[in-house]
Amino acid sequence: MAFQPIVDIQTGSVFAYEALVRGTEGQSAGQVLSGIEPDMIYKFDQACRVKAIELAGGLFAPDGDAKLSINFMPNAVYEPNACIRASLAAARRVGFDPGRLMFEFTENERMLDVTHVRHIIEAYQARGFTTAIDDFGAGYAGLGLLADLRPDMLKLDMALIRGIDGSAARRTIVASVVRMAEQLGIRCIAEGIETAAELQTLREIGLRLCQGYLLARPALEALPPIALPD
């Protein structure tokens, strides 16, 4: 697992570290997942979750409040309570506060059972976990999904962020999504930020939580330093 921070650009503090799957030779998450047999996806998803929590127990400051953000594949989560038990057991083993857990879900293919996924999110929220829709604005992660699931966080896909400083359309769309999310009680995170101009535009829009190579690249089994431009 590698870790990449989500930064509050107003305070310079880390809101969360996202745990990212990496191969033993540096392969991307997509390359790793492409080698997993369909009937092993659930076990692999669970193993990644446990590994991320175990690493966080040794890397995160025990008295800090930065969250650990874990990706999960909703179509692979058959029973949320079983996943919760495994997460809580891993957290207990390493002394990690389970209230700092955040789960991101994304859809590269259409969600098979939205009602089931809503049940997963409600179960996670009832345990005090933070939930997020990842890659919002790309693929199947759109307004209908947001209306049905009502997560705590919304991660704006890099396709909306890339070149936002030079695109009036992107600025309007992102500003509108941020305002809409606020009215729903949902916080937004911008991901994929690569330039100071993109970051400045997001500041002007009023978006505080940001993630991308400009701020820090993922570090394998380590927490990378942050480089926040003035």
C-alpha atoms as a PDB file:
ATOM      1  CA  MET A   1       0.000   0.000   0.000  1.00  0.00           C
ATOM      2  CA  ALA A   2       1.057   3.569  -0.724  1.00  0.00           C
ATOM      3  CA  PHE A   3      -0.291   6.666   1.029  1.00  0.00           C
ATOM      4  CA  GLN A   4      -1.192  10.065  -0.449  1.00  0.00           C
ATOM      5  CA  PRO A   5      -2.446  12.984   1.679  1.00  0.00           C
ATOM      6  CA  ILE A   6      -5.655  14.938   1.304  1.00  0.00           C
ATOM      7  CA  VAL A   7      -4.710  18.430   2.483  1.00  0.00           C
ATOM      8  CA  ASP A   8      -6.738  21.257   3.971  1.00  0.00           C
ATOM      9  CA  ILE A   9      -5.177  24.057   1.925  1.00  0.00           C
ATOM     10  CA  GLN A  10      -6.508  26.714   4.297  1.00  0.00           C
ATOM     11  CA  THR A  11      -4.708  25.350   7.372  1.00  0.00           C
ATOM     12  CA  GLY A  12      -1.988  23.252   5.714  1.00  0.00           C
ATOM     13  CA  SER A  13      -2.999  20.246   7.827  1.00  0.00           C
ATOM     14  CA  VAL A  14      -3.656  16.721   6.564  1.00  0.00           C
ATOM     15  CA  PHE A  15      -7.334  15.804   6.550  1.00  0.00           C
ATOM     16  CA  ALA A  16      -6.689  12.212   5.492  1.00  0.00           C
ATOM     17  CA  TYR A  17      -4.224   9.862   3.856  1.00  0.00           C
ATOM     18  CA  GLU A  18      -5.625   7.718   1.064  1.00  0.00           C
ATOM     19  CA  ALA A  19      -4.323   4.149   0.966  1.00  0.00           C
ATOM     20  CA  LEU A  20      -3.557   3.079  -2.604  1.00  0.00           C
ATOM     21  CA  VAL A  21      -2.912  -0.457  -3.832  1.00  0.00           C
ATOM     22  CA  ARG A  22       0.513  -0.967  -5.404  1.00  0.00           C
ATOM     23  CA  GLY A  23       2.268  -4.059  -6.705  1.00  0.00           C
ATOM     24  CA  THR A  24       5.489  -5.352  -5.195  1.00  0.00           C
ATOM     25  CA  GLU A  25       7.338  -3.980  -8.229  1.00  0.00           C
ATOM     26  CA  GLY A  26       5.487  -0.664  -8.308  1.00  0.00           C
ATOM     27  CA  GLN A  27       2.534  -1.735 -10.445  1.00  0.00           C
ATOM     28  CA  SER A  28      -0.503   0.551 -10.388  1.00  0.00           C
ATOM     29  CA  ALA A  29      -3.785  -0.379  -8.736  1.00  0.00           C
ATOM     30  CA  GLY A  30      -5.297  -1.067 -12.163  1.00  0.00           C
ATOM     31  CA  GLN A  31      -2.492  -3.447 -13.075  1.00  0.00           C
ATOM     32  CA  VAL A  32      -2.812  -5.283  -9.774  1.00  0.00           C
ATOM     33  CA  LEU A  33      -6.612  -5.553  -9.954  1.00  0.00           C
ATOM     34  CA  SER A  34      -6.504  -6.825 -13.534  1.00  0.00           C
ATOM     35  CA  GLY A  35      -4.695  -9.908 -12.251  1.00  0.00           C
ATOM     36  CA  ILE A  36      -7.293 -10.773  -9.597  1.00  0.00           C
ATOM     37  CA  GLU A  37      -9.774 -13.491 -10.506  1.00  0.00           C
ATOM     38  CA  PRO A  38     -13.430 -12.381 -10.202  1.00  0.00           C
ATOM     39  CA  ASP A  39     -14.182 -14.929  -7.472  1.00  0.00           C
ATOM     40  CA  MET A  40     -11.280 -13.558  -5.395  1.00  0.00           C
ATOM     41  CA  ILE A  41     -12.233  -9.871  -5.539  1.00  0.00           C
ATOM     42  CA  TYR A  42     -14.017  -9.937  -2.174  1.00  0.00           C
ATOM     43  CA  LYS A  43     -11.079 -11.562  -0.376  1.00  0.00           C
ATOM     44  CA  PHE A  44      -8.627  -9.215  -2.081  1.00  0.00           C
ATOM     45  CA  ASP A  45     -10.707  -6.175  -1.124  1.00  0.00           C
ATOM     46  CA  GLN A  46     -10.735  -7.340   2.499  1.00  0.00           C
ATOM     47  CA  ALA A  47      -7.000  -8.060   2.513  1.00  0.00           C
ATOM     48  CA  CYS A  48      -6.210  -4.570   1.184  1.00  0.00           C
ATOM     49  CA  ARG A  49      -8.430  -2.961   3.811  1.00  0.00           C
ATOM     50  CA  VAL A  50      -6.773  -4.885   6.652  1.00  0.00           C
ATOM     51  CA  LYS A  51      -3.273  -4.178   5.310  1.00  0.00           C
ATOM     52  CA  ALA A  52      -3.988  -0.441   5.084  1.00  0.00           C
ATOM     53  CA  ILE A  53      -5.261  -0.310   8.674  1.00  0.00           C
ATOM     54  CA  GLU A  54      -2.296  -2.309   9.978  1.00  0.00           C
ATOM     55  CA  LEU A  55       0.170   0.017   8.247  1.00  0.00           C
ATOM     56  CA  ALA A  56      -1.681   3.104   9.484  1.00  0.00           C
ATOM     57  CA  GLY A  57      -1.375   1.816  13.039  1.00  0.00           C
ATOM     58  CA  GLY A  58       2.395   2.137  12.768  1.00  0.00           C
ATOM     59  CA  LEU A  59       2.593   5.255  10.597  1.00  0.00           C
ATOM     60  CA  PHE A  60      -0.117   7.617  11.860  1.00  0.00           C
ATOM     61  CA  ALA A  61       0.366   9.756  14.957  1.00  0.00           C
ATOM     62  CA  PRO A  62      -1.732   8.018  17.646  1.00  0.00           C
ATOM     63  CA  ASP A  63      -2.978  11.338  19.032  1.00  0.00           C
ATOM     64  CA  GLY A  64      -3.676  12.871  15.613  1.00  0.00           C
ATOM     65  CA  ASP A  65      -6.965  13.249  13.784  1.00  0.00           C
ATOM     66  CA  ALA A  66      -5.965  12.554  10.166  1.00  0.00           C
ATOM     67  CA  LYS A  67      -8.267   9.948   8.667  1.00  0.00           C
ATOM     68  CA  LEU A  68      -7.270   6.791   6.801  1.00  0.00           C
ATOM     69  CA  SER A  69      -9.151   6.712   3.499  1.00  0.00           C
ATOM     70  CA  ILE A  70      -9.648   3.238   2.021  1.00  0.00           C
ATOM     71  CA  ASN A  71     -11.078   2.460  -1.400  1.00  0.00           C
ATOM     72  CA  PHE A  72     -13.600  -0.327  -1.661  1.00  0.00           C
ATOM     73  CA  MET A  73     -15.472  -1.967  -4.496  1.00  0.00           C
ATOM     74  CA  PRO A  74     -19.170  -1.885  -3.567  1.00  0.00           C
ATOM     75  CA  ASN A  75     -20.070  -4.796  -5.822  1.00  0.00           C
ATOM     76  CA  ALA A  76     -17.519  -6.901  -3.913  1.00  0.00           C
ATOM     77  CA  VAL A  77     -18.857  -6.072  -0.432  1.00  0.00           C
ATOM     78  CA  TYR A  78     -21.427  -8.775   0.161  1.00  0.00           C
ATOM     79  CA  GLU A  79     -22.130  -8.191   3.838  1.00  0.00           C
ATOM     80  CA  PRO A  80     -21.167  -4.842   5.396  1.00  0.00           C
ATOM     81  CA  ASN A  81     -21.181  -6.130   8.974  1.00  0.00           C
ATOM     82  CA  ALA A  82     -18.562  -8.757   8.107  1.00  0.00           C
ATOM     83  CA  CYS A  83     -16.380  -6.030   6.568  1.00  0.00           C
ATOM     84  CA  ILE A  84     -16.934  -3.821   9.608  1.00  0.00           C
ATOM     85  CA  ARG A  85     -15.897  -6.644  11.940  1.00  0.00           C
ATOM     86  CA  ALA A  86     -12.707  -7.243   9.963  1.00  0.00           C
ATOM     87  CA  SER A  87     -11.908  -3.510   9.958  1.00  0.00           C
ATOM     88  CA  LEU A  88     -12.543  -3.141  13.689  1.00  0.00           C
ATOM     89  CA  ALA A  89     -10.482  -6.232  14.478  1.00  0.00           C
ATOM     90  CA  ALA A  90      -7.547  -4.876  12.468  1.00  0.00           C
ATOM     91  CA  ALA A  91      -7.871  -1.490  14.177  1.00  0.00           C
ATOM     92  CA  ARG A  92      -7.854  -3.110  17.625  1.00  0.00           C
ATOM     93  CA  ARG A  93      -4.751  -5.158  16.821  1.00  0.00           C
ATOM     94  CA  VAL A  94      -2.698  -2.070  15.995  1.00  0.00           C
ATOM     95  CA  GLY A  95      -4.342   0.466  18.298  1.00  0.00           C
ATOM     96  CA  PHE A  96      -5.858   2.572  15.495  1.00  0.00           C
ATOM     97  CA  ASP A  97      -8.938   4.659  16.305  1.00  0.00           C
ATOM     98  CA  PRO A  98     -11.729   3.259  14.062  1.00  0.00           C
ATOM     99  CA  GLY A  99     -13.416   6.663  14.139  1.00  0.00           C
ATOM    100  CA  ARG A 100     -10.631   7.823  11.811  1.00  0.00           C
ATOM    101  CA  LEU A 101     -11.646   5.400   9.043  1.00  0.00           C
ATOM    102  CA  MET A 102     -13.016   6.770   5.774  1.00  0.00           C
ATOM    103  CA  PHE A 103     -14.245   4.592   2.919  1.00  0.00           C
ATOM    104  CA  GLU A 104     -14.287   5.733  -0.711  1.00  0.00           C
ATOM    105  CA  PHE A 105     -16.302   3.885  -3.304  1.00  0.00           C
ATOM    106  CA  THR A 106     -16.147   4.341  -7.034  1.00  0.00           C
ATOM    107  CA  GLU A 107     -17.763   2.718 -10.013  1.00  0.00           C
ATOM    108  CA  ASN A 108     -15.826   1.863 -13.143  1.00  0.00           C
ATOM    109  CA  GLU A 109     -18.786  -0.266 -14.098  1.00  0.00           C
ATOM    110  CA  ARG A 110     -22.454   0.232 -13.332  1.00  0.00           C
ATOM    111  CA  MET A 111     -23.404  -0.470  -9.726  1.00  0.00           C
ATOM    112  CA  LEU A 112     -25.234  -3.772  -9.569  1.00  0.00           C
ATOM    113  CA  ASP A 113     -27.500  -3.041  -6.592  1.00  0.00           C
ATOM    114  CA  VAL A 114     -27.823   0.575  -5.446  1.00  0.00           C
ATOM    115  CA  THR A 115     -30.099  -0.402  -2.543  1.00  0.00           C
ATOM    116  CA  HIS A 116     -27.444  -2.789  -1.243  1.00  0.00           C
ATOM    117  CA  VAL A 117     -24.755  -0.111  -1.523  1.00  0.00           C
ATOM    118  CA  ARG A 118     -27.001   2.348   0.328  1.00  0.00           C
ATOM    119  CA  HIS A 119     -27.249  -0.266   3.080  1.00  0.00           C
ATOM    120  CA  ILE A 120     -23.441  -0.501   3.164  1.00  0.00           C
ATOM    121  CA  ILE A 121     -23.064   3.274   3.479  1.00  0.00           C
ATOM    122  CA  GLU A 122     -25.714   3.519   6.187  1.00  0.00           C
ATOM    123  CA  ALA A 123     -24.039   0.705   8.128  1.00  0.00           C
ATOM    124  CA  TYR A 124     -20.671   2.443   7.873  1.00  0.00           C
ATOM    125  CA  GLN A 125     -22.088   5.805   8.909  1.00  0.00           C
ATOM    126  CA  ALA A 126     -23.877   4.208  11.870  1.00  0.00           C
ATOM    127  CA  ARG A 127     -20.456   3.002  13.102  1.00  0.00           C
ATOM    128  CA  GLY A 128     -19.015   6.502  12.805  1.00  0.00           C
ATOM    129  CA  PHE A 129     -17.023   5.863   9.634  1.00  0.00           C
ATOM    130  CA  THR A 130     -16.786   8.600   6.995  1.00  0.00           C
ATOM    131  CA  THR A 131     -18.023   7.700   3.501  1.00  0.00           C
ATOM    132  CA  ALA A 132     -17.160   9.233   0.137  1.00  0.00           C
ATOM    133  CA  ILE A 133     -18.042   8.910  -3.537  1.00  0.00           C
ATOM    134  CA  ASP A 134     -14.770   8.804  -5.469  1.00  0.00           C
ATOM    135  CA  ASP A 135     -14.233  10.059  -9.042  1.00  0.00           C
ATOM    136  CA  PHE A 136     -17.425  12.150  -9.010  1.00  0.00           C
ATOM    137  CA  GLY A 137     -18.120  13.536 -12.466  1.00  0.00           C
ATOM    138  CA  ALA A 138     -16.591  10.571 -14.310  1.00  0.00           C
ATOM    139  CA  GLY A 139     -17.984   7.200 -15.345  1.00  0.00           C
ATOM    140  CA  TYR A 140     -21.080   6.197 -13.410  1.00  0.00           C
ATOM    141  CA  ALA A 141     -20.426   8.427 -10.387  1.00  0.00           C
ATOM    142  CA  GLY A 142     -22.983  11.123 -11.155  1.00  0.00           C
ATOM    143  CA  LEU A 143     -25.893  13.070  -9.728  1.00  0.00           C
ATOM    144  CA  GLY A 144     -28.247  10.092  -9.593  1.00  0.00           C
ATOM    145  CA  LEU A 145     -25.776   8.152  -7.468  1.00  0.00           C
ATOM    146  CA  LEU A 146     -25.312  11.163  -5.182  1.00  0.00           C
ATOM    147  CA  ALA A 147     -29.071  11.546  -4.705  1.00  0.00           C
ATOM    148  CA  ASP A 148     -29.488   7.855  -3.905  1.00  0.00           C
ATOM    149  CA  LEU A 149     -26.540   7.367  -1.555  1.00  0.00           C
ATOM    150  CA  ARG A 150     -25.920  10.649   0.329  1.00  0.00           C
ATOM    151  CA  PRO A 151     -22.299  10.108   1.423  1.00  0.00           C
ATOM    152  CA  ASP A 152     -20.356  12.385   3.783  1.00  0.00           C
ATOM    153  CA  MET A 153     -17.770  13.395   1.185  1.00  0.00           C
ATOM    154  CA  LEU A 154     -17.577  13.907  -2.575  1.00  0.00           C
ATOM    155  CA  LYS A 155     -14.272  13.542  -4.436  1.00  0.00           C
ATOM    156  CA  LEU A 156     -14.286  15.547  -7.660  1.00  0.00           C
ATOM    157  CA  ASP A 157     -12.630  13.629 -10.479  1.00  0.00           C
ATOM    158  CA  MET A 158      -9.418  14.976 -11.950  1.00  0.00           C
ATOM    159  CA  ALA A 159     -11.178  15.364 -15.304  1.00  0.00           C
ATOM    160  CA  LEU A 160     -13.044  18.314 -13.768  1.00  0.00           C
ATOM    161  CA  ILE A 161      -9.912  19.723 -12.107  1.00  0.00           C
ATOM    162  CA  ARG A 162      -7.387  19.406 -14.926  1.00  0.00           C
ATOM    163  CA  GLY A 163      -6.882  22.843 -16.494  1.00  0.00           C
ATOM    164  CA  ILE A 164      -9.637  24.427 -14.404  1.00  0.00           C
ATOM    165  CA  ASP A 165      -7.668  27.689 -14.269  1.00  0.00           C
ATOM    166  CA  GLY A 166      -8.086  28.084 -18.029  1.00  0.00           C
ATOM    167  CA  SER A 167     -11.613  26.736 -18.377  1.00  0.00           C
ATOM    168  CA  ALA A 168     -14.633  28.862 -17.499  1.00  0.00           C
ATOM    169  CA  ALA A 169     -16.855  25.793 -17.966  1.00  0.00           C
ATOM    170  CA  ARG A 170     -14.911  23.724 -15.433  1.00  0.00           C
ATOM    171  CA  ARG A 171     -14.859  26.599 -12.935  1.00  0.00           C
ATOM    172  CA  THR A 172     -18.625  27.003 -13.221  1.00  0.00           C
ATOM    173  CA  ILE A 173     -19.291  23.265 -12.902  1.00  0.00           C
ATOM    174  CA  VAL A 174     -16.991  22.768  -9.897  1.00  0.00           C
ATOM    175  CA  ALA A 175     -18.287  25.880  -8.107  1.00  0.00           C
ATOM    176  CA  SER A 176     -21.873  24.701  -8.663  1.00  0.00           C
ATOM    177  CA  VAL A 177     -21.119  21.185  -7.391  1.00  0.00           C
ATOM    178  CA  VAL A 178     -19.426  22.610  -4.279  1.00  0.00           C
ATOM    179  CA  ARG A 179     -22.450  24.831  -3.524  1.00  0.00           C
ATOM    180  CA  MET A 180     -24.875  21.963  -4.154  1.00  0.00           C
ATOM    181  CA  ALA A 181     -22.874  19.634  -1.888  1.00  0.00           C
ATOM    182  CA  GLU A 182     -22.818  22.221   0.886  1.00  0.00           C
ATOM    183  CA  GLN A 183     -26.608  22.441   0.738  1.00  0.00           C
ATOM    184  CA  LEU A 184     -26.727  18.648   1.152  1.00  0.00           C
ATOM    185  CA  GLY A 185     -24.305  18.724   4.066  1.00  0.00           C
ATOM    186  CA  ILE A 186     -21.550  17.071   2.023  1.00  0.00           C
ATOM    187  CA  ARG A 187     -17.896  18.216   1.882  1.00  0.00           C
ATOM    188  CA  CYS A 188     -15.973  18.199  -1.403  1.00  0.00           C
ATOM    189  CA  ILE A 189     -12.416  17.071  -2.145  1.00  0.00           C
ATOM    190  CA  ALA A 190     -10.613  17.995  -5.367  1.00  0.00           C
ATOM    191  CA  GLU A 191      -8.288  15.260  -6.622  1.00  0.00           C
ATOM    192  CA  GLY A 192      -5.597  15.161  -9.279  1.00  0.00           C
ATOM    193  CA  ILE A 193      -4.204  18.691  -8.746  1.00  0.00           C
ATOM    194  CA  GLU A 194      -0.929  19.128 -10.612  1.00  0.00           C
ATOM    195  CA  THR A 195      -0.340  22.877 -11.013  1.00  0.00           C
ATOM    196  CA  ALA A 196      -0.256  25.927  -8.752  1.00  0.00           C
ATOM    197  CA  ALA A 197      -2.749  27.635 -11.074  1.00  0.00           C
ATOM    198  CA  GLU A 198      -5.269  24.823 -10.577  1.00  0.00           C
ATOM    199  CA  LEU A 199      -4.808  25.060  -6.818  1.00  0.00           C
ATOM    200  CA  GLN A 200      -5.268  28.842  -6.813  1.00  0.00           C
ATOM    201  CA  THR A 201      -8.484  28.548  -8.802  1.00  0.00           C
ATOM    202  CA  LEU A 202      -9.815  26.042  -6.279  1.00  0.00           C
ATOM    203  CA  ARG A 203      -8.903  28.430  -3.466  1.00  0.00           C
ATOM    204  CA  GLU A 204     -10.907  31.161  -5.185  1.00  0.00           C
ATOM    205  CA  ILE A 205     -13.884  28.820  -5.539  1.00  0.00           C
ATOM    206  CA  GLY A 206     -13.655  28.113  -1.810  1.00  0.00           C
ATOM    207  CA  LEU A 207     -12.731  24.438  -1.964  1.00  0.00           C
ATOM    208  CA  ARG A 208     -10.452  23.548   0.991  1.00  0.00           C
ATOM    209  CA  LEU A 209      -9.681  19.828   0.715  1.00  0.00           C
ATOM    210  CA  CYS A 210      -7.262  18.968  -2.087  1.00  0.00           C
ATOM    211  CA  GLN A 211      -5.177  16.013  -3.276  1.00  0.00           C
ATOM    212  CA  GLY A 212      -2.686  15.617  -6.090  1.00  0.00           C
ATOM    213  CA  TYR A 213       0.928  15.395  -7.210  1.00  0.00           C
ATOM    214  CA  LEU A 214       1.391  19.132  -6.670  1.00  0.00           C
ATOM    215  CA  LEU A 215       0.934  18.620  -2.927  1.00  0.00           C
ATOM    216  CA  ALA A 216       2.495  15.163  -2.527  1.00  0.00           C
ATOM    217  CA  ARG A 217       3.043  11.999  -4.519  1.00  0.00           C
ATOM    218  CA  PRO A 218       2.044   8.652  -2.994  1.00  0.00           C
ATOM    219  CA  ALA A 219       4.754   7.055  -0.849  1.00  0.00           C
ATOM    220  CA  LEU A 220       5.051   3.289  -0.491  1.00  0.00           C
ATOM    221  CA  GLU A 221       4.335   2.265   3.113  1.00  0.00           C
ATOM    222  CA  ALA A 222       5.222   5.800   4.267  1.00  0.00           C
ATOM    223  CA  LEU A 223       3.583   9.195   4.793  1.00  0.00           C
ATOM    224  CA  PRO A 224       5.036  11.652   2.258  1.00  0.00           C
ATOM    225  CA  PRO A 225       5.942  15.256   3.088  1.00  0.00           C
ATOM    226  CA  ILE A 226       3.561  17.967   1.845  1.00  0.00           C
ATOM    227  CA  ALA A 227       4.616  20.813  -0.436  1.00  0.00           C
ATOM    228  CA  LEU A 228       1.840  23.417  -0.216  1.00  0.00           C
ATOM    229  CA  PRO A 229       2.473  26.415  -2.506  1.00  0.00           C
ATOM    230  CA  ASP A 230       1.933  29.879  -1.010  1.00  0.00           C
END
